[in-house]
Amino acid sequence: MIGISTTCCSDVSLGTALYKISRVGGIDFIEIVSENYHMLDRYNWRFHLETLEGRGLKNVIHAPFSDINIASLNEKIRRASLDILFETFEVAQSMGSLLVVIHPGHLSPASMRFPKAYEKIHKRSLEEIERYSRSLGIRVAVENMPAFPILDGRTCERIQELVAGTELYVAFDVGHLNTVTRNFREFVDLLGDRIIHVHLHDNDGNTDSHLGLGKGSVPWEEVLKILPRKASWSLELGSLDAAMESMEFVKMHLQT
């Protein structure tokens, strides 16, 4: 199952983005990144679902992540972050979403000073997320992060630690891992059936630039062979043209 993320149309309204992407042939779903112009809520989801259903497309929701921190040592910020995610889960249930992608928590001056408290609070939030999503009957996948000082969940080992003891899944972002360890096979081998969603994009190994496939340093011939076929694959590019070119790139390499 392959789809395209609304990141390729982030400068236009969600309605316009869905219209443009839905006209691309050969896709099974659209991943809605619920940020900025594309924010989903309990008041607008019906309109956008009609657009998707009219084109016979399924959906994935990428939960908000800007200004969100589920591992904040400030309880008001942590609680507000969870409330925003929980509303997203409710929308996903209403829309029949395949899954919801979330980011792990991230570090702050306070959490770097009190790492044990950070770990405890982070785990508590993930357990709350697991319980609430399970009560709604939706699947939630935690995404690995790119190389950046305050970001958590950058390696497969760390993602495994975060989801351990829960029924949360994993969203494998290939481009992000290319900026960290580049141990693609190790990531797949370690997390296995936990991986239910994949983000596909490229970069030079230093910057998370979301280039088209083949435009950076990701070894795609190796990577495409080992990615879980049962997972949904989402093209997360900076433009619609790049997304369409990358879809052809994937199809060509899978045929060889």
C-alpha atoms as a PDB file:
ATOM      1  CA  MET A   1       0.000   0.000   0.000  1.00  0.00           C
ATOM      2  CA  ILE A   2       1.509   3.322  -1.079  1.00  0.00           C
ATOM      3  CA  GLY A   3       0.409   6.907  -0.486  1.00  0.00           C
ATOM      4  CA  ILE A   4       1.500  10.521  -0.468  1.00  0.00           C
ATOM      5  CA  SER A   5       1.830  12.872   2.493  1.00  0.00           C
ATOM      6  CA  THR A   6       0.304  16.356   2.444  1.00  0.00           C
ATOM      7  CA  THR A   7       3.787  17.759   3.185  1.00  0.00           C
ATOM      8  CA  CYS A   8       4.095  18.134  -0.584  1.00  0.00           C
ATOM      9  CA  CYS A   9       1.329  20.753  -0.528  1.00  0.00           C
ATOM     10  CA  SER A  10       1.920  22.378   2.851  1.00  0.00           C
ATOM     11  CA  ASP A  11       1.578  25.913   1.458  1.00  0.00           C
ATOM     12  CA  VAL A  12      -2.083  25.505   0.457  1.00  0.00           C
ATOM     13  CA  SER A  13      -5.271  24.647   2.360  1.00  0.00           C
ATOM     14  CA  LEU A  14      -5.978  21.042   3.286  1.00  0.00           C
ATOM     15  CA  GLY A  15      -8.946  20.940   0.922  1.00  0.00           C
ATOM     16  CA  THR A  16      -6.756  22.052  -1.978  1.00  0.00           C
ATOM     17  CA  ALA A  17      -3.974  19.663  -0.976  1.00  0.00           C
ATOM     18  CA  LEU A  18      -6.331  16.678  -0.875  1.00  0.00           C
ATOM     19  CA  TYR A  19      -7.817  17.632  -4.246  1.00  0.00           C
ATOM     20  CA  LYS A  20      -4.379  17.863  -5.885  1.00  0.00           C
ATOM     21  CA  ILE A  21      -2.982  14.682  -4.375  1.00  0.00           C
ATOM     22  CA  SER A  22      -6.158  12.671  -4.971  1.00  0.00           C
ATOM     23  CA  ARG A  23      -5.768  13.240  -8.708  1.00  0.00           C
ATOM     24  CA  VAL A  24      -2.487  11.300  -8.720  1.00  0.00           C
ATOM     25  CA  GLY A  25      -3.058   7.808 -10.026  1.00  0.00           C
ATOM     26  CA  GLY A  26      -1.814   4.675  -8.340  1.00  0.00           C
ATOM     27  CA  ILE A  27      -2.041   5.732  -4.699  1.00  0.00           C
ATOM     28  CA  ASP A  28      -4.001   3.976  -1.974  1.00  0.00           C
ATOM     29  CA  PHE A  29      -4.091   6.632   0.735  1.00  0.00           C
ATOM     30  CA  ILE A  30      -3.190  10.191   1.665  1.00  0.00           C
ATOM     31  CA  GLU A  31      -1.305  10.934   4.867  1.00  0.00           C
ATOM     32  CA  ILE A  32      -2.680  14.118   6.400  1.00  0.00           C
ATOM     33  CA  VAL A  33      -0.054  15.968   8.434  1.00  0.00           C
ATOM     34  CA  SER A  34      -2.294  17.753  10.926  1.00  0.00           C
ATOM     35  CA  GLU A  35      -0.297  20.970  11.181  1.00  0.00           C
ATOM     36  CA  ASN A  36      -0.829  24.616  10.217  1.00  0.00           C
ATOM     37  CA  TYR A  37      -3.121  24.877   7.144  1.00  0.00           C
ATOM     38  CA  HIS A  38      -3.793  21.127   7.351  1.00  0.00           C
ATOM     39  CA  MET A  39      -4.991  20.915  10.941  1.00  0.00           C
ATOM     40  CA  LEU A  40      -7.781  18.394  11.470  1.00  0.00           C
ATOM     41  CA  ASP A  41     -10.282  18.759  14.289  1.00  0.00           C
ATOM     42  CA  ARG A  42     -13.698  17.545  15.366  1.00  0.00           C
ATOM     43  CA  TYR A  43     -15.373  20.256  13.281  1.00  0.00           C
ATOM     44  CA  ASN A  44     -13.761  19.855   9.834  1.00  0.00           C
ATOM     45  CA  TRP A  45     -12.950  16.153   9.413  1.00  0.00           C
ATOM     46  CA  ARG A  46     -16.273  15.246   7.748  1.00  0.00           C
ATOM     47  CA  PHE A  47     -15.676  17.605   4.831  1.00  0.00           C
ATOM     48  CA  HIS A  48     -12.199  16.197   4.177  1.00  0.00           C
ATOM     49  CA  LEU A  49     -13.331  12.595   4.576  1.00  0.00           C
ATOM     50  CA  GLU A  50     -15.916  13.156   1.853  1.00  0.00           C
ATOM     51  CA  THR A  51     -13.133  14.249  -0.506  1.00  0.00           C
ATOM     52  CA  LEU A  52     -11.104  11.127   0.243  1.00  0.00           C
ATOM     53  CA  GLU A  53     -14.024   8.738  -0.011  1.00  0.00           C
ATOM     54  CA  GLY A  54     -15.099  10.366  -3.264  1.00  0.00           C
ATOM     55  CA  ARG A  55     -11.773   9.324  -4.764  1.00  0.00           C
ATOM     56  CA  GLY A  56     -11.754   5.885  -3.129  1.00  0.00           C
ATOM     57  CA  LEU A  57      -8.781   6.726  -0.909  1.00  0.00           C
ATOM     58  CA  LYS A  58      -7.943   5.669   2.630  1.00  0.00           C
ATOM     59  CA  ASN A  59      -6.185   7.974   5.082  1.00  0.00           C
ATOM     60  CA  VAL A  60      -3.381   8.097   7.610  1.00  0.00           C
ATOM     61  CA  ILE A  61      -3.126  10.953  10.096  1.00  0.00           C
ATOM     62  CA  HIS A  62       0.177  12.377  11.252  1.00  0.00           C
ATOM     63  CA  ALA A  63      -0.612  13.963  14.618  1.00  0.00           C
ATOM     64  CA  PRO A  64       0.481  17.557  15.363  1.00  0.00           C
ATOM     65  CA  PHE A  65       4.073  17.862  16.549  1.00  0.00           C
ATOM     66  CA  SER A  66       5.003  21.556  16.552  1.00  0.00           C
ATOM     67  CA  ASP A  67       5.002  22.889  20.143  1.00  0.00           C
ATOM     68  CA  ILE A  68       3.956  19.415  21.370  1.00  0.00           C
ATOM     69  CA  ASN A  69       6.011  17.627  24.011  1.00  0.00           C
ATOM     70  CA  ILE A  70       4.589  14.525  25.670  1.00  0.00           C
ATOM     71  CA  ALA A  71       7.726  14.292  27.843  1.00  0.00           C
ATOM     72  CA  SER A  72       7.600  17.810  29.238  1.00  0.00           C
ATOM     73  CA  LEU A  73       8.391  18.130  32.929  1.00  0.00           C
ATOM     74  CA  ASN A  74       5.848  20.952  32.988  1.00  0.00           C
ATOM     75  CA  GLU A  75       2.638  19.044  33.681  1.00  0.00           C
ATOM     76  CA  LYS A  76       0.427  21.701  32.058  1.00  0.00           C
ATOM     77  CA  ILE A  77       2.377  21.430  28.809  1.00  0.00           C
ATOM     78  CA  ARG A  78       2.409  17.627  28.947  1.00  0.00           C
ATOM     79  CA  ARG A  79      -1.331  17.522  29.612  1.00  0.00           C
ATOM     80  CA  ALA A  80      -2.113  19.978  26.824  1.00  0.00           C
ATOM     81  CA  SER A  81       0.064  17.950  24.449  1.00  0.00           C
ATOM     82  CA  LEU A  82      -1.802  14.748  25.305  1.00  0.00           C
ATOM     83  CA  ASP A  83      -5.181  16.471  24.948  1.00  0.00           C
ATOM     84  CA  ILE A  84      -4.246  17.559  21.409  1.00  0.00           C
ATOM     85  CA  LEU A  85      -3.120  14.045  20.521  1.00  0.00           C
ATOM     86  CA  PHE A  86      -6.249  12.507  22.023  1.00  0.00           C
ATOM     87  CA  GLU A  87      -8.477  14.776  19.937  1.00  0.00           C
ATOM     88  CA  THR A  88      -6.496  13.625  16.892  1.00  0.00           C
ATOM     89  CA  PHE A  89      -7.126   9.997  17.874  1.00  0.00           C
ATOM     90  CA  GLU A  90     -10.853  10.697  18.119  1.00  0.00           C
ATOM     91  CA  VAL A  91     -10.823  12.252  14.653  1.00  0.00           C
ATOM     92  CA  ALA A  92      -8.887   9.244  13.344  1.00  0.00           C
ATOM     93  CA  GLN A  93     -11.512   6.901  14.767  1.00  0.00           C
ATOM     94  CA  SER A  94     -14.277   8.915  13.083  1.00  0.00           C
ATOM     95  CA  MET A  95     -12.399   8.958   9.763  1.00  0.00           C
ATOM     96  CA  GLY A  96     -11.562   5.252   9.836  1.00  0.00           C
ATOM     97  CA  SER A  97      -7.864   6.067   9.583  1.00  0.00           C
ATOM     98  CA  LEU A  98      -5.383   3.280   8.947  1.00  0.00           C
ATOM     99  CA  LEU A  99      -3.213   4.612  11.788  1.00  0.00           C
ATOM    100  CA  VAL A 100      -1.933   7.731  13.522  1.00  0.00           C
ATOM    101  CA  VAL A 101       1.746   8.708  13.515  1.00  0.00           C
ATOM    102  CA  ILE A 102       3.125  10.522  16.572  1.00  0.00           C
ATOM    103  CA  HIS A 103       6.502  11.942  17.539  1.00  0.00           C
ATOM    104  CA  PRO A 104       8.172  10.931  20.790  1.00  0.00           C
ATOM    105  CA  GLY A 105       8.836  13.551  23.435  1.00  0.00           C
ATOM    106  CA  HIS A 106      11.901  15.739  23.257  1.00  0.00           C
ATOM    107  CA  LEU A 107      14.474  17.184  25.603  1.00  0.00           C
ATOM    108  CA  SER A 108      14.441  20.585  27.296  1.00  0.00           C
ATOM    109  CA  PRO A 109      16.809  22.360  29.716  1.00  0.00           C
ATOM    110  CA  ALA A 110      14.757  20.923  32.588  1.00  0.00           C
ATOM    111  CA  SER A 111      14.738  17.342  31.293  1.00  0.00           C
ATOM    112  CA  MET A 112      18.466  17.414  30.545  1.00  0.00           C
ATOM    113  CA  ARG A 113      19.015  18.387  34.169  1.00  0.00           C
ATOM    114  CA  PHE A 114      16.656  15.699  35.499  1.00  0.00           C
ATOM    115  CA  PRO A 115      17.001  12.748  33.084  1.00  0.00           C
ATOM    116  CA  LYS A 116      15.388  10.169  35.380  1.00  0.00           C
ATOM    117  CA  ALA A 117      12.273  12.293  35.743  1.00  0.00           C
ATOM    118  CA  TYR A 118      12.223  12.775  31.980  1.00  0.00           C
ATOM    119  CA  GLU A 119      12.326   9.025  31.372  1.00  0.00           C
ATOM    120  CA  LYS A 120       9.561   8.369  33.889  1.00  0.00           C
ATOM    121  CA  ILE A 121       7.260  11.075  32.514  1.00  0.00           C
ATOM    122  CA  HIS A 122       7.953  10.112  28.902  1.00  0.00           C
ATOM    123  CA  LYS A 123       7.027   6.503  29.590  1.00  0.00           C
ATOM    124  CA  ARG A 124       3.899   7.550  31.498  1.00  0.00           C
ATOM    125  CA  SER A 125       2.705   9.590  28.536  1.00  0.00           C
ATOM    126  CA  LEU A 126       3.312   6.755  26.083  1.00  0.00           C
ATOM    127  CA  GLU A 127       1.365   4.405  28.338  1.00  0.00           C
ATOM    128  CA  GLU A 128      -1.521   6.888  28.470  1.00  0.00           C
ATOM    129  CA  ILE A 129      -1.411   7.179  24.688  1.00  0.00           C
ATOM    130  CA  GLU A 130      -1.476   3.405  24.346  1.00  0.00           C
ATOM    131  CA  ARG A 131      -4.451   3.033  26.677  1.00  0.00           C
ATOM    132  CA  TYR A 132      -6.521   5.762  25.051  1.00  0.00           C
ATOM    133  CA  SER A 133      -5.804   4.663  21.488  1.00  0.00           C
ATOM    134  CA  ARG A 134      -6.645   1.070  22.415  1.00  0.00           C
ATOM    135  CA  SER A 135      -9.967   2.202  23.897  1.00  0.00           C
ATOM    136  CA  LEU A 136     -10.790   3.838  20.545  1.00  0.00           C
ATOM    137  CA  GLY A 137      -9.616   0.881  18.486  1.00  0.00           C
ATOM    138  CA  ILE A 138      -6.997   2.795  16.521  1.00  0.00           C
ATOM    139  CA  ARG A 139      -3.336   2.025  15.862  1.00  0.00           C
ATOM    140  CA  VAL A 140      -0.656   4.532  16.885  1.00  0.00           C
ATOM    141  CA  ALA A 141       2.912   4.418  15.560  1.00  0.00           C
ATOM    142  CA  VAL A 142       5.873   6.238  17.133  1.00  0.00           C
ATOM    143  CA  GLU A 143       8.209   7.749  14.534  1.00  0.00           C
ATOM    144  CA  ASN A 144      12.010   7.749  14.709  1.00  0.00           C
ATOM    145  CA  MET A 145      13.545  11.221  14.651  1.00  0.00           C
ATOM    146  CA  PRO A 146      16.394  12.799  12.622  1.00  0.00           C
ATOM    147  CA  ALA A 147      19.738  13.989  13.949  1.00  0.00           C
ATOM    148  CA  PHE A 148      19.054  17.092  16.046  1.00  0.00           C
ATOM    149  CA  PRO A 149      20.339  17.749  19.595  1.00  0.00           C
ATOM    150  CA  ILE A 150      17.044  17.875  21.511  1.00  0.00           C
ATOM    151  CA  LEU A 151      15.208  15.129  19.625  1.00  0.00           C
ATOM    152  CA  ASP A 152      14.641  11.716  21.197  1.00  0.00           C
ATOM    153  CA  GLY A 153      13.941   8.384  19.492  1.00  0.00           C
ATOM    154  CA  ARG A 154      16.659   8.673  16.866  1.00  0.00           C
ATOM    155  CA  THR A 155      17.919   5.072  16.879  1.00  0.00           C
ATOM    156  CA  CYS A 156      16.168   1.727  16.623  1.00  0.00           C
ATOM    157  CA  GLU A 157      17.380   0.815  20.095  1.00  0.00           C
ATOM    158  CA  ARG A 158      15.834   3.949  21.579  1.00  0.00           C
ATOM    159  CA  ILE A 159      12.548   3.467  19.746  1.00  0.00           C
ATOM    160  CA  GLN A 160      12.446  -0.079  21.066  1.00  0.00           C
ATOM    161  CA  GLU A 161      12.932   1.243  24.610  1.00  0.00           C
ATOM    162  CA  LEU A 162      10.111   3.755  24.185  1.00  0.00           C
ATOM    163  CA  VAL A 163       7.499   1.307  22.894  1.00  0.00           C
ATOM    164  CA  ALA A 164       8.514  -1.588  25.160  1.00  0.00           C
ATOM    165  CA  GLY A 165       5.709  -2.723  27.455  1.00  0.00           C
ATOM    166  CA  THR A 166       3.025  -1.079  25.294  1.00  0.00           C
ATOM    167  CA  GLU A 167       1.011  -2.052  22.237  1.00  0.00           C
ATOM    168  CA  LEU A 168       2.262   0.986  20.326  1.00  0.00           C
ATOM    169  CA  TYR A 169       3.684   0.459  16.856  1.00  0.00           C
ATOM    170  CA  VAL A 170       6.552   2.062  14.924  1.00  0.00           C
ATOM    171  CA  ALA A 171       6.654   4.411  11.937  1.00  0.00           C
ATOM    172  CA  PHE A 172      10.012   3.910  10.222  1.00  0.00           C
ATOM    173  CA  ASP A 173      11.251   7.157   8.680  1.00  0.00           C
ATOM    174  CA  VAL A 174      13.999   6.169   6.250  1.00  0.00           C
ATOM    175  CA  GLY A 175      15.180   9.728   5.618  1.00  0.00           C
ATOM    176  CA  HIS A 176      15.469  10.430   9.334  1.00  0.00           C
ATOM    177  CA  LEU A 177      17.598   7.343   9.942  1.00  0.00           C
ATOM    178  CA  ASN A 178      19.852   8.392   7.058  1.00  0.00           C
ATOM    179  CA  THR A 179      20.901  11.400   9.166  1.00  0.00           C
ATOM    180  CA  VAL A 180      21.632   9.249  12.240  1.00  0.00           C
ATOM    181  CA  THR A 181      23.045   5.705  11.974  1.00  0.00           C
ATOM    182  CA  ARG A 182      22.118   4.580   8.428  1.00  0.00           C
ATOM    183  CA  ASN A 183      21.648   1.095   9.919  1.00  0.00           C
ATOM    184  CA  PHE A 184      18.529   0.378   7.863  1.00  0.00           C
ATOM    185  CA  ARG A 185      18.628  -3.400   8.082  1.00  0.00           C
ATOM    186  CA  GLU A 186      19.269  -3.301  11.833  1.00  0.00           C
ATOM    187  CA  PHE A 187      16.210  -1.059  12.280  1.00  0.00           C
ATOM    188  CA  VAL A 188      13.971  -3.478  10.385  1.00  0.00           C
ATOM    189  CA  ASP A 189      15.431  -6.573  12.013  1.00  0.00           C
ATOM    190  CA  LEU A 190      15.132  -5.190  15.550  1.00  0.00           C
ATOM    191  CA  LEU A 191      11.627  -3.736  15.310  1.00  0.00           C
ATOM    192  CA  GLY A 192      10.150  -6.243  12.862  1.00  0.00           C
ATOM    193  CA  ASP A 193       6.360  -6.525  13.032  1.00  0.00           C
ATOM    194  CA  ARG A 194       6.137  -3.349  15.118  1.00  0.00           C
ATOM    195  CA  ILE A 195       6.769  -1.390  11.909  1.00  0.00           C
ATOM    196  CA  ILE A 196       3.367  -0.698  10.353  1.00  0.00           C
ATOM    197  CA  HIS A 197       4.168   2.517   8.478  1.00  0.00           C
ATOM    198  CA  VAL A 198       7.141   3.871   6.512  1.00  0.00           C
ATOM    199  CA  HIS A 199       8.094   7.405   5.498  1.00  0.00           C
ATOM    200  CA  LEU A 200      10.074   7.593   2.259  1.00  0.00           C
ATOM    201  CA  HIS A 201      12.270  10.583   1.413  1.00  0.00           C
ATOM    202  CA  ASP A 202      15.932  11.296   0.750  1.00  0.00           C
ATOM    203  CA  ASN A 203      18.691  13.632   1.956  1.00  0.00           C
ATOM    204  CA  ASP A 204      22.469  14.056   1.956  1.00  0.00           C
ATOM    205  CA  GLY A 205      22.916  12.348   5.315  1.00  0.00           C
ATOM    206  CA  ASN A 206      23.302  15.634   7.172  1.00  0.00           C
ATOM    207  CA  THR A 207      20.089  17.620   6.760  1.00  0.00           C
ATOM    208  CA  ASP A 208      16.501  16.362   6.943  1.00  0.00           C
ATOM    209  CA  SER A 209      15.672  17.963   3.599  1.00  0.00           C
ATOM    210  CA  HIS A 210      12.936  15.588   2.323  1.00  0.00           C
ATOM    211  CA  LEU A 211      14.375  15.289  -1.175  1.00  0.00           C
ATOM    212  CA  GLY A 212      12.935  13.063  -3.852  1.00  0.00           C
ATOM    213  CA  LEU A 213      14.044   9.437  -3.842  1.00  0.00           C
ATOM    214  CA  GLY A 214      17.404   9.051  -5.555  1.00  0.00           C
ATOM    215  CA  LYS A 215      18.339  12.700  -5.008  1.00  0.00           C
ATOM    216  CA  GLY A 216      20.367  12.052  -1.846  1.00  0.00           C
ATOM    217  CA  SER A 217      22.509   9.368  -0.221  1.00  0.00           C
ATOM    218  CA  VAL A 218      19.949   6.760   0.898  1.00  0.00           C
ATOM    219  CA  PRO A 219      20.938   3.368  -0.645  1.00  0.00           C
ATOM    220  CA  TRP A 220      17.507   2.695  -2.083  1.00  0.00           C
ATOM    221  CA  GLU A 221      18.357  -0.561  -3.857  1.00  0.00           C
ATOM    222  CA  GLU A 222      19.185  -2.028  -0.452  1.00  0.00           C
ATOM    223  CA  VAL A 223      16.456  -0.264   1.534  1.00  0.00           C
ATOM    224  CA  LEU A 224      13.473  -1.001  -0.701  1.00  0.00           C
ATOM    225  CA  LYS A 225      14.262  -4.718  -0.586  1.00  0.00           C
ATOM    226  CA  ILE A 226      14.115  -4.918   3.204  1.00  0.00           C
ATOM    227  CA  LEU A 227      11.170  -2.648   4.002  1.00  0.00           C
ATOM    228  CA  PRO A 228       8.131  -4.500   5.396  1.00  0.00           C
ATOM    229  CA  ARG A 229       5.674  -5.175   2.565  1.00  0.00           C
ATOM    230  CA  LYS A 230       2.736  -5.302   4.979  1.00  0.00           C
ATOM    231  CA  ALA A 231       3.432  -1.746   6.152  1.00  0.00           C
ATOM    232  CA  SER A 232       1.948   1.304   4.443  1.00  0.00           C
ATOM    233  CA  TRP A 233       4.563   3.349   2.535  1.00  0.00           C
ATOM    234  CA  SER A 234       4.128   7.125   2.499  1.00  0.00           C
ATOM    235  CA  LEU A 235       6.063   9.472   0.217  1.00  0.00           C
ATOM    236  CA  GLU A 236       6.905  12.489   2.370  1.00  0.00           C
ATOM    237  CA  LEU A 237       8.332  15.021  -0.067  1.00  0.00           C
ATOM    238  CA  GLY A 238       8.545  18.770  -0.428  1.00  0.00           C
ATOM    239  CA  SER A 239       6.587  19.026  -3.675  1.00  0.00           C
ATOM    240  CA  LEU A 240       3.910  17.090  -5.520  1.00  0.00           C
ATOM    241  CA  ASP A 241       6.155  16.701  -8.574  1.00  0.00           C
ATOM    242  CA  ALA A 242       8.841  15.133  -6.373  1.00  0.00           C
ATOM    243  CA  ALA A 243       6.239  12.803  -4.851  1.00  0.00           C
ATOM    244  CA  MET A 244       5.038  11.613  -8.273  1.00  0.00           C
ATOM    245  CA  GLU A 245       8.604  11.134  -9.526  1.00  0.00           C
ATOM    246  CA  SER A 246       9.449   9.206  -6.356  1.00  0.00           C
ATOM    247  CA  MET A 247       6.438   6.946  -6.786  1.00  0.00           C
ATOM    248  CA  GLU A 248       7.717   5.977 -10.231  1.00  0.00           C
ATOM    249  CA  PHE A 249      11.172   5.486  -8.693  1.00  0.00           C
ATOM    250  CA  VAL A 250       9.734   3.023  -6.162  1.00  0.00           C
ATOM    251  CA  LYS A 251       7.760   1.111  -8.775  1.00  0.00           C
ATOM    252  CA  MET A 252      10.791   0.851 -11.068  1.00  0.00           C
ATOM    253  CA  HIS A 253      13.057  -0.467  -8.313  1.00  0.00           C
ATOM    254  CA  LEU A 254      10.504  -2.983  -7.069  1.00  0.00           C
ATOM    255  CA  GLN A 255      10.265  -4.447 -10.560  1.00  0.00           C
ATOM    256  CA  THR A 256      14.011  -5.090 -10.811  1.00  0.00           C
END
